[in-house]
Amino acid sequence: MQLGIIGLARSGKTTVFNAVTRGSAQVGAYSSSQQPNVGVVNVPDERVDRLAELYKPKKTTYATIQYVDFPAAGESFGKGEGPAGKFINELARMDALIHVVRAFEDETVPHPEVTIDPARDIATMDLELAFADLAIIERRLQRLETEMRSVKAGERDQMNRLRDLLQRMKADLESEVPVRAQELGDDDWRLLEGSQFLTARPLMLVINIGEDDLPRRAELEAEYRERYQGVGRDVAVFCGKFEMELNDLDEEAAAEFRESVGVTESGMAEAIRVSYGLLGLISFLTAGPDECRAWTIAEGATAPEAAGKIHSDLQRGFIRAEVVRFEDLVAAGSEAEAKKKGLVRTEGKNYVVQDGDVLHILFNV
C-alpha cells in the first residue's frame, strides 16, 4: 500500500511523515528541484505478536505501508494552476492521498496565508486537485474532437459515449464533486481506460494540531469528521510534533507520555486504521514454525485470491483452505488443540476471507 502525503507549505507535512516513519527528513520548505521522501513502516498488529508467541517462528513479518512525502504545494496553489506537473503522475499512482492540514499555532513558523484556517486550506487543496483532473478531461476532450473527424460513422458510438461521460464528469468537478463521489459504473471506467484522476483517490485529512490541543483530540476529530467525512474521505487528528518527539523514547516511556496528556492511541496507529478503512482493506494471517505473517487484501477477497497474495502458485493450484479465527486459535493455545475442539474448518474457492482469519492453503500444481 502506497500513501502519498500532500499539503500546503508549513503545514507540518514532513513532520507528520517523520512521525509515522520514524524518519529524519529535513523539515522545511522544499525547493522545486527536490524529490519526495519515501519511508516504509510496519503495520502494528498485536495478532502477529501473539502468533509469534505461540509458534516461536524463525521470522515474524508485518504488513507494510510505504509513505511518500511529496514536496509542499508552492506559490501556484490557490491560483487555479494545480499541483506541480512533475508530480501529478506519481500522485495518481498512490493508493490514497493524505492531506496534512495545519491547525497549530506557531509564531516561529508563519503560515503563508498569515492566519490559521483549516477550512480554507482544505478547500484550497480540494480545488487544486480538481483543477488537475479538469486539465486531464480537457485534454481528453480535445483529443476526442480531433479523432472523431477522421473515424467512420460506425466507430463514433463509443467515442460519443466517452465524450458525454467526460462532459458529465467535468460538470460534476466544477460543482465541487470529486471523482470518488461521482456516480461512475464499471462501464464508465472501461470507457476511461484506466485514467488516473487525483480526486478519484481515497483521501484522508490529517488535521495537524498543536500540543495544547492534545487533550481535546477526540473531540476535535469528531467535529472535523462530522463536517468532512464523505465518500472515500475520512479524518484523523494528529499532533505531528508530539508524535515525532515520541520516536526518541522506548515503547513503554512513549505510552506513559501519551497517557499523561490523555492520548490513548498513537497517532500512527490511528492513521493506519483509518487508511485501511478508506481503502477497504483487511488482514489475514499465516502462522507456522518458519514464519508468522500478516497479509493485506481487499475486503471481499476469496480464499484463492488471498492464496495468490502469498504466491501465484497457491492461487493457480488452490484446492482448499484450512481456516481458524485468530481469537479461537489463541484461546485454544495451539493449532493441534484448535483442531481437537473443531475450531479449524475447511473452506473452498468461494469462501470470502475475513479480517483476522488464520489460513493454511492446500494446493497442487
Protein backbone atom coordinates (compact mmCIF):
# COMPACT_ATOMS: atom_id res chain seq x y z
CA MET A 1 0.00 0.00 0.00
CA GLN A 2 1.38 3.39 -1.06
CA LEU A 3 0.09 6.53 0.62
CA GLY A 4 1.04 9.94 -0.75
CA ILE A 5 1.39 12.81 1.75
CA ILE A 6 0.50 16.25 0.41
CA GLY A 7 -0.05 19.63 1.97
CA LEU A 8 0.42 23.35 1.76
CA ALA A 9 3.71 24.91 2.81
CA ARG A 10 4.38 24.97 6.57
CA SER A 11 1.53 22.59 7.34
CA GLY A 12 3.87 20.22 9.22
CA LYS A 13 3.60 17.68 6.43
CA THR A 14 7.17 16.40 6.66
CA THR A 15 6.96 16.37 10.47
CA VAL A 16 3.98 14.03 10.13
CA PHE A 17 5.98 11.92 7.65
CA ASN A 18 8.87 11.67 10.14
CA ALA A 19 6.46 10.80 12.95
CA VAL A 20 4.82 7.87 11.15
CA THR A 21 8.01 6.51 9.54
CA ARG A 22 10.44 7.28 12.38
CA GLY A 23 12.31 9.19 9.71
CA SER A 24 14.62 12.16 9.82
CA ALA A 25 13.75 14.01 6.62
CA GLN A 26 14.67 17.68 6.68
CA VAL A 27 11.72 19.75 7.89
CA GLY A 28 11.09 22.96 5.98
CA ALA A 29 10.08 24.24 2.58
CA TYR A 30 11.14 22.22 -0.43
CA SER A 31 12.92 23.74 -3.38
CA SER A 32 11.41 22.93 -6.76
CA SER A 33 14.26 20.54 -7.54
CA GLN A 34 13.78 18.28 -4.51
CA GLN A 35 12.27 14.82 -4.73
CA PRO A 36 9.70 13.13 -2.47
CA ASN A 37 10.79 11.49 0.79
CA VAL A 38 9.97 7.79 0.94
CA GLY A 39 9.61 5.63 4.06
CA VAL A 40 8.29 2.12 4.71
CA VAL A 41 6.70 1.21 8.06
CA ASN A 42 5.39 -1.98 9.60
CA VAL A 43 1.68 -2.01 10.35
CA PRO A 44 1.34 -2.55 14.13
CA ASP A 45 -0.61 -5.78 14.66
CA GLU A 46 -0.87 -7.40 18.08
CA ARG A 47 -2.24 -10.54 16.41
CA VAL A 48 1.11 -11.17 14.71
CA ASP A 49 2.86 -10.71 18.06
CA ARG A 50 0.55 -13.23 19.75
CA LEU A 51 1.02 -15.79 16.98
CA ALA A 52 4.78 -15.36 17.28
CA GLU A 53 4.48 -16.16 20.99
CA LEU A 54 2.59 -19.36 20.15
CA TYR A 55 4.74 -20.63 17.28
CA LYS A 56 8.18 -19.19 18.13
CA PRO A 57 8.89 -18.79 14.38
CA LYS A 58 12.24 -18.15 12.74
CA LYS A 59 10.76 -14.99 11.21
CA THR A 60 7.96 -12.54 12.04
CA THR A 61 6.67 -10.33 9.23
CA TYR A 62 4.17 -7.49 9.46
CA ALA A 63 2.17 -5.90 6.68
CA THR A 64 3.85 -2.72 5.43
CA ILE A 65 2.86 0.71 4.17
CA GLN A 66 5.02 2.94 2.01
CA TYR A 67 4.59 6.64 2.72
CA VAL A 68 5.66 9.12 0.02
CA ASP A 69 6.06 12.71 1.25
CA PHE A 70 5.65 14.97 -1.77
CA PRO A 71 7.12 18.48 -1.93
CA ALA A 72 4.89 21.11 -0.34
CA ALA A 73 2.50 22.93 -2.59
CA GLY A 74 4.16 26.02 -4.00
CA GLU A 75 3.06 29.54 -4.71
CA SER A 76 0.84 28.45 -7.62
CA PHE A 77 -1.56 26.79 -5.19
CA GLY A 78 -4.72 28.70 -4.65
CA LYS A 79 -4.42 30.32 -8.09
CA GLY A 80 -6.03 27.54 -10.13
CA GLU A 81 -2.78 26.20 -11.55
CA GLY A 82 -2.97 22.78 -9.93
CA PRO A 83 -0.19 20.71 -8.37
CA ALA A 84 3.28 20.82 -9.85
CA GLY A 85 3.11 18.88 -13.13
CA LYS A 86 6.22 16.82 -12.43
CA PHE A 87 4.49 15.04 -9.53
CA ILE A 88 0.97 14.54 -10.90
CA ASN A 89 1.70 11.11 -12.42
CA GLU A 90 3.34 9.94 -9.19
CA LEU A 91 0.43 11.24 -7.11
CA ALA A 92 -2.04 9.43 -9.35
CA ARG A 93 -0.25 6.12 -8.73
CA MET A 94 -0.78 6.32 -4.97
CA ASP A 95 -3.42 4.06 -3.41
CA ALA A 96 -4.63 7.01 -1.34
CA LEU A 97 -3.65 10.58 -0.53
CA ILE A 98 -3.08 12.08 2.91
CA HIS A 99 -3.67 15.83 3.07
CA VAL A 100 -1.92 17.30 6.12
CA VAL A 101 -3.87 20.36 7.25
CA ARG A 102 -2.35 22.89 9.62
CA ALA A 103 -4.35 23.58 12.77
CA PHE A 104 -1.49 24.55 15.12
CA GLU A 105 -0.24 27.98 16.10
CA ASP A 106 3.49 28.69 15.98
CA GLU A 107 4.81 32.24 15.63
CA THR A 108 8.23 30.92 14.55
CA VAL A 109 6.61 29.16 11.55
CA PRO A 110 4.30 31.72 9.93
CA HIS A 111 1.51 30.41 7.73
CA PRO A 112 1.85 31.52 4.06
CA GLU A 113 -1.68 32.97 4.32
CA VAL A 114 -0.85 34.58 7.71
CA THR A 115 -3.86 33.15 9.59
CA ILE A 116 -4.54 29.56 10.67
CA ASP A 117 -7.68 28.42 8.88
CA PRO A 118 -8.01 24.65 8.30
CA ALA A 119 -11.31 25.03 6.37
CA ARG A 120 -9.67 27.44 3.92
CA ASP A 121 -6.66 25.16 3.40
CA ILE A 122 -8.84 22.08 2.88
CA ALA A 123 -10.88 23.96 0.27
CA THR A 124 -7.70 25.17 -1.44
CA MET A 125 -6.26 21.68 -1.81
CA ASP A 126 -9.61 20.23 -2.93
CA LEU A 127 -9.78 22.93 -5.59
CA GLU A 128 -6.27 22.32 -6.84
CA LEU A 129 -6.74 18.56 -7.12
CA ALA A 130 -9.95 19.20 -9.03
CA PHE A 131 -8.10 21.57 -11.39
CA ALA A 132 -5.59 18.80 -12.14
CA ASP A 133 -8.42 16.43 -13.05
CA LEU A 134 -10.19 19.06 -15.14
CA ALA A 135 -6.98 19.54 -17.12
CA ILE A 136 -6.91 15.78 -17.85
CA ILE A 137 -10.53 15.88 -19.00
CA GLU A 138 -9.96 18.94 -21.21
CA ARG A 139 -7.04 17.22 -22.94
CA ARG A 140 -9.08 14.06 -23.50
CA LEU A 141 -11.99 16.04 -24.94
CA GLN A 142 -9.70 17.94 -27.30
CA ARG A 143 -8.09 14.71 -28.49
CA LEU A 144 -11.51 13.12 -28.97
CA GLU A 145 -12.70 16.04 -31.07
CA THR A 146 -9.70 15.64 -33.38
CA GLU A 147 -10.06 11.86 -33.64
CA MET A 148 -13.80 11.99 -34.38
CA ARG A 149 -13.17 13.98 -37.54
CA SER A 150 -11.40 11.05 -39.16
CA VAL A 151 -13.27 7.95 -37.91
CA LYS A 152 -16.07 6.18 -39.72
CA ALA A 153 -19.63 6.78 -38.60
CA GLY A 154 -19.94 3.27 -37.15
CA GLU A 155 -16.94 3.84 -34.89
CA ARG A 156 -18.28 7.02 -33.34
CA ASP A 157 -20.74 5.49 -30.87
CA GLN A 158 -18.13 4.65 -28.24
CA MET A 159 -16.41 7.99 -28.74
CA ASN A 160 -19.72 9.78 -28.26
CA ARG A 161 -20.33 7.85 -25.03
CA LEU A 162 -16.86 8.75 -23.78
CA ARG A 163 -17.35 12.40 -24.69
CA ASP A 164 -20.69 12.50 -22.84
CA LEU A 165 -19.12 10.82 -19.82
CA LEU A 166 -16.19 13.27 -19.71
CA GLN A 167 -18.53 16.23 -20.02
CA ARG A 168 -20.65 14.89 -17.15
CA MET A 169 -17.52 14.38 -15.02
CA LYS A 170 -16.35 17.87 -15.88
CA ALA A 171 -19.67 19.38 -14.79
CA ASP A 172 -19.54 17.46 -11.50
CA LEU A 173 -15.96 18.59 -10.80
CA GLU A 174 -16.93 22.18 -11.49
CA SER A 175 -19.75 21.68 -8.96
CA GLU A 176 -17.12 20.56 -6.39
CA VAL A 177 -17.98 16.85 -6.62
CA PRO A 178 -14.71 14.84 -6.67
CA VAL A 179 -14.46 11.85 -8.98
CA ARG A 180 -14.56 9.47 -5.98
CA ALA A 181 -18.06 10.74 -5.16
CA GLN A 182 -19.40 10.72 -8.71
CA GLU A 183 -21.77 8.01 -9.93
CA LEU A 184 -19.44 6.01 -12.17
CA GLY A 185 -20.13 2.38 -13.03
CA ASP A 186 -17.88 -0.38 -14.36
CA ASP A 187 -18.85 0.52 -17.94
CA ASP A 188 -17.79 4.11 -17.31
CA TRP A 189 -14.37 3.09 -16.02
CA ARG A 190 -13.89 0.80 -19.03
CA LEU A 191 -14.52 3.79 -21.28
CA LEU A 192 -11.98 5.82 -19.29
CA GLU A 193 -9.37 3.10 -19.95
CA GLY A 194 -7.80 3.32 -16.52
CA SER A 195 -7.36 7.10 -16.45
CA GLN A 196 -5.97 8.08 -13.06
CA PHE A 197 -7.73 11.09 -11.58
CA LEU A 198 -6.38 12.62 -8.38
CA THR A 199 -9.83 13.20 -6.89
CA ALA A 200 -10.64 9.53 -7.52
CA ARG A 201 -8.04 8.55 -4.93
CA PRO A 202 -9.35 7.99 -1.39
CA LEU A 203 -8.34 10.98 0.73
CA MET A 204 -7.50 11.17 4.42
CA LEU A 205 -7.41 14.57 6.06
CA VAL A 206 -4.81 14.65 8.83
CA ILE A 207 -5.57 17.68 10.97
CA ASN A 208 -2.20 18.62 12.45
CA ILE A 209 -2.94 20.14 15.86
CA GLY A 210 -0.68 21.72 18.47
CA GLU A 211 0.30 20.04 21.74
CA ASP A 212 -2.07 22.29 23.70
CA ASP A 213 -4.99 20.68 21.85
CA LEU A 214 -3.96 17.07 22.53
CA PRO A 215 -6.42 16.61 25.45
CA ARG A 216 -9.22 17.58 23.02
CA ARG A 217 -8.07 15.32 20.20
CA ALA A 218 -11.09 13.01 20.25
CA GLU A 219 -13.50 15.94 20.45
CA LEU A 220 -11.78 17.75 17.57
CA GLU A 221 -11.73 14.60 15.47
CA ALA A 222 -15.47 14.13 15.93
CA GLU A 223 -16.07 17.74 14.86
CA TYR A 224 -13.91 17.51 11.75
CA ARG A 225 -15.29 14.10 10.83
CA GLU A 226 -18.86 15.35 11.03
CA ARG A 227 -18.00 18.15 8.62
CA TYR A 228 -15.62 16.47 6.19
CA GLN A 229 -16.20 12.71 6.18
CA GLY A 230 -17.69 11.55 2.90
CA VAL A 231 -17.39 9.03 0.09
CA GLY A 232 -13.77 7.91 0.06
CA ARG A 233 -12.76 10.61 2.55
CA ASP A 234 -12.07 10.38 6.27
CA VAL A 235 -10.36 12.36 9.02
CA ALA A 236 -7.68 11.76 11.63
CA VAL A 237 -6.44 14.33 14.15
CA PHE A 238 -2.71 14.15 14.79
CA CYS A 239 -0.03 16.20 16.51
CA GLY A 240 2.97 15.65 14.27
CA LYS A 241 5.46 17.42 16.54
CA PHE A 242 4.35 15.43 19.61
CA GLU A 243 4.43 12.09 17.77
CA MET A 244 7.84 12.81 16.24
CA GLU A 245 9.28 13.60 19.66
CA LEU A 246 8.00 10.26 20.97
CA ASN A 247 10.14 8.46 18.40
CA ASP A 248 13.13 9.10 20.65
CA LEU A 249 11.52 7.14 23.53
CA ASP A 250 11.08 3.41 24.01
CA GLU A 251 7.56 1.99 23.72
CA GLU A 252 6.88 1.93 27.46
CA ALA A 253 8.03 5.51 28.03
CA ALA A 254 6.10 6.70 24.96
CA ALA A 255 2.92 5.03 26.22
CA GLU A 256 3.33 6.72 29.62
CA PHE A 257 3.91 10.09 27.97
CA ARG A 258 0.78 9.68 25.83
CA GLU A 259 -1.25 8.73 28.88
CA SER A 260 -0.03 11.82 30.73
CA VAL A 261 -1.65 14.05 28.10
CA GLY A 262 -4.77 11.95 27.69
CA VAL A 263 -3.86 10.26 24.39
CA THR A 264 -4.72 6.55 24.43
CA GLU A 265 -3.69 5.59 20.88
CA SER A 266 -0.60 6.51 18.89
CA GLY A 267 -1.26 8.86 16.00
CA MET A 268 0.43 6.42 13.62
CA ALA A 269 -1.81 3.52 14.68
CA GLU A 270 -4.92 5.65 14.18
CA ALA A 271 -3.75 6.91 10.78
CA ILE A 272 -3.13 3.35 9.63
CA ARG A 273 -6.51 2.17 10.90
CA VAL A 274 -8.27 4.99 9.03
CA SER A 275 -6.21 4.24 5.90
CA TYR A 276 -7.28 0.59 5.91
CA GLY A 277 -10.91 1.61 6.30
CA LEU A 278 -10.68 4.13 3.45
CA LEU A 279 -9.18 1.58 1.08
CA GLY A 280 -11.45 -1.28 2.14
CA LEU A 281 -8.51 -3.41 3.28
CA ILE A 282 -8.28 -6.23 5.80
CA SER A 283 -5.50 -8.52 7.01
CA PHE A 284 -5.38 -12.30 7.13
CA LEU A 285 -2.64 -14.23 8.89
CA THR A 286 -0.42 -17.22 8.27
CA ALA A 287 1.44 -18.98 11.06
CA GLY A 288 3.99 -21.75 11.44
CA PRO A 289 7.47 -22.55 12.76
CA ASP A 290 9.13 -20.80 9.82
CA GLU A 291 7.16 -17.55 9.79
CA CYS A 292 4.19 -15.73 11.29
CA ARG A 293 2.92 -13.07 8.93
CA ALA A 294 0.12 -10.60 8.20
CA TRP A 295 -1.09 -10.17 4.61
CA THR A 296 -3.14 -7.25 3.30
CA ILE A 297 -6.02 -7.91 0.91
CA ALA A 298 -9.14 -6.13 -0.29
CA GLU A 299 -12.27 -6.72 1.75
CA GLY A 300 -14.38 -9.29 -0.11
CA ALA A 301 -11.41 -11.25 -1.50
CA THR A 302 -11.91 -15.00 -1.85
CA ALA A 303 -9.64 -17.71 -0.45
CA PRO A 304 -7.89 -18.30 -3.83
CA GLU A 305 -7.26 -14.55 -4.17
CA ALA A 306 -5.77 -14.49 -0.66
CA ALA A 307 -3.64 -17.51 -1.59
CA GLY A 308 -2.36 -15.60 -4.62
CA LYS A 309 -1.17 -12.85 -2.32
CA ILE A 310 1.21 -15.39 -0.77
CA HIS A 311 2.32 -16.91 -4.10
CA SER A 312 0.78 -17.18 -7.56
CA ASP A 313 1.24 -20.99 -7.48
CA LEU A 314 -1.02 -21.22 -4.45
CA GLN A 315 -3.81 -19.46 -6.32
CA ARG A 316 -3.28 -21.44 -9.52
CA GLY A 317 -3.31 -24.82 -7.78
CA PHE A 318 -5.73 -23.92 -4.96
CA ILE A 319 -7.58 -26.94 -3.54
CA ARG A 320 -8.94 -25.69 -0.22
CA ALA A 321 -8.09 -23.57 2.80
CA GLU A 322 -7.96 -24.56 6.43
CA VAL A 323 -9.32 -21.59 8.39
CA VAL A 324 -9.32 -20.75 12.07
CA ARG A 325 -10.21 -17.44 13.68
CA PHE A 326 -7.26 -15.75 15.37
CA GLU A 327 -9.20 -15.42 18.63
CA ASP A 328 -10.11 -19.13 18.61
CA LEU A 329 -6.54 -20.20 17.91
CA VAL A 330 -5.13 -18.10 20.74
CA ALA A 331 -7.82 -19.26 23.16
CA ALA A 332 -7.12 -22.89 22.26
CA GLY A 333 -3.40 -22.39 22.90
CA SER A 334 -2.16 -24.34 19.87
CA GLU A 335 -3.17 -25.38 16.38
CA ALA A 336 -3.47 -29.02 17.44
CA GLU A 337 -5.82 -28.11 20.30
CA ALA A 338 -7.90 -25.88 17.98
CA LYS A 339 -8.35 -28.86 15.64
CA LYS A 340 -9.37 -31.11 18.54
CA LYS A 341 -12.05 -28.60 19.51
CA GLY A 342 -13.35 -28.39 15.94
CA LEU A 343 -12.36 -24.75 15.56
CA VAL A 344 -10.45 -25.34 12.31
CA ARG A 345 -12.74 -25.60 9.31
CA THR A 346 -12.22 -26.34 5.63
CA GLU A 347 -13.30 -23.76 3.06
CA GLY A 348 -13.41 -23.86 -0.72
CA LYS A 349 -12.91 -21.47 -3.61
CA ASN A 350 -15.94 -19.32 -2.86
CA TYR A 351 -15.03 -18.56 0.74
CA VAL A 352 -14.71 -14.83 1.44
CA VAL A 353 -11.74 -14.26 3.76
CA GLN A 354 -12.46 -12.30 6.95
CA ASP A 355 -10.19 -9.94 8.84
CA GLY A 356 -8.26 -11.98 11.40
CA ASP A 357 -8.58 -15.35 9.65
CA VAL A 358 -5.54 -17.59 10.05
CA LEU A 359 -5.18 -19.54 6.79
CA HIS A 360 -3.34 -22.66 5.73
CA ILE A 361 -3.57 -23.15 1.97
CA LEU A 362 -3.61 -26.63 0.41
CA PHE A 363 -2.70 -26.62 -3.29
CA ASN A 364 -1.36 -28.75 -6.11
CA VAL A 365 0.49 -27.53 -9.20
